[in-house]
Amino acid sequence: MNDFGGKLRLARERRGTSLRQISAATKISIAALEALERNDVSKLPGGIFSRSFVRSYAIEVGLDPDETVHEFLERFQDNPGMVGAPYAAAIKTSIPEEESAFESRQRVAGLVLKLLLVGIPLIVLVLYFSMRTRGGPPASSAIPAPQRAPVARSQPAANEATPSPVPIGTSPPATAVATAGAGVTRMTLELQTTDDCWVRLTADGKRVLSRVMTAGQKETQEVQDKVVIEIGNAGAFAFSVNGRPAKPLGGPGTVRTITLTKDTLAQFLQ
């Protein structure tokens, strides 16, 4: 069917559903839904985001989402002029292959993380028992601490506090060491949008957000080690980490994907 948008509109009208109702359910702007019904895909963000819009619309009007997305790709992938130059290549790409590759990378990352979590404690235990088997007690316990010769001093005055002796080799308090070596142990990620923006968030290997955030919406997510942020409209997106604002990621309509870890955090913050 050449009139792809007309088919969507007829399905919506048969169900007695308005564009405003679909917008409220899918978080897709009414302007984008109207453009989809007019076959004006140049108003859509493109690539995997356009496919997500079509799938969400199809579900709301009772159409098969997979078949509808397939028809969408067949109708528009050979007409890059309607899609717009920045996104023509993205729509031609097989979306299932993109998602399959993404999920595959996530599975590999999860497997590596599990191996590290299991392997590191085992290595520590092996080293510990190996050191205990080789030698006796540590050298520090076998050698007595040197004794300081008493130092004569005058009797303190009645109102003078007598200082407590500090043994040689005494370590600084544990709290001082912890403060000196303190770093970022956990990231509190705060997201905010000034216009409609498709956002996908994968925190510590788990997808925690995948939807359109409308203007003024905020989201907060705790991250332990790593977070991948995918956005469809960088000009309308802002975020901060542990209360510190991040640098702008691009202009309106820019599609970006960034990966935040404790090692790469500094390059994204102001």
Foldseek 3Di string as FASTA:
>chain_A
DLQLLCVLVVLCVVVVHDLVNLCVVFVDDSVCNVCSSVVQQLPFLAAPRVLSVQLSSCVVSVHDSVVSSVVVLVNPLVPVVSNDDVHNVRSPDDPVVVVVVVLVVLVVVVVVVVCCVVVPVVVVVVVVVVVVVPDPDDPVVVDDDDDDDDDDDDDDDPPDDDDDDDDPPDDPDPVVVCVVPDADQKKKKKKAFQAWKFKWKQAPSRTDDTGIDGGGDMDIDIHGFKMKMWMQFQQGMWMAIPPFTFDRDDHGRDIDIDMDGSVCPVVGTD
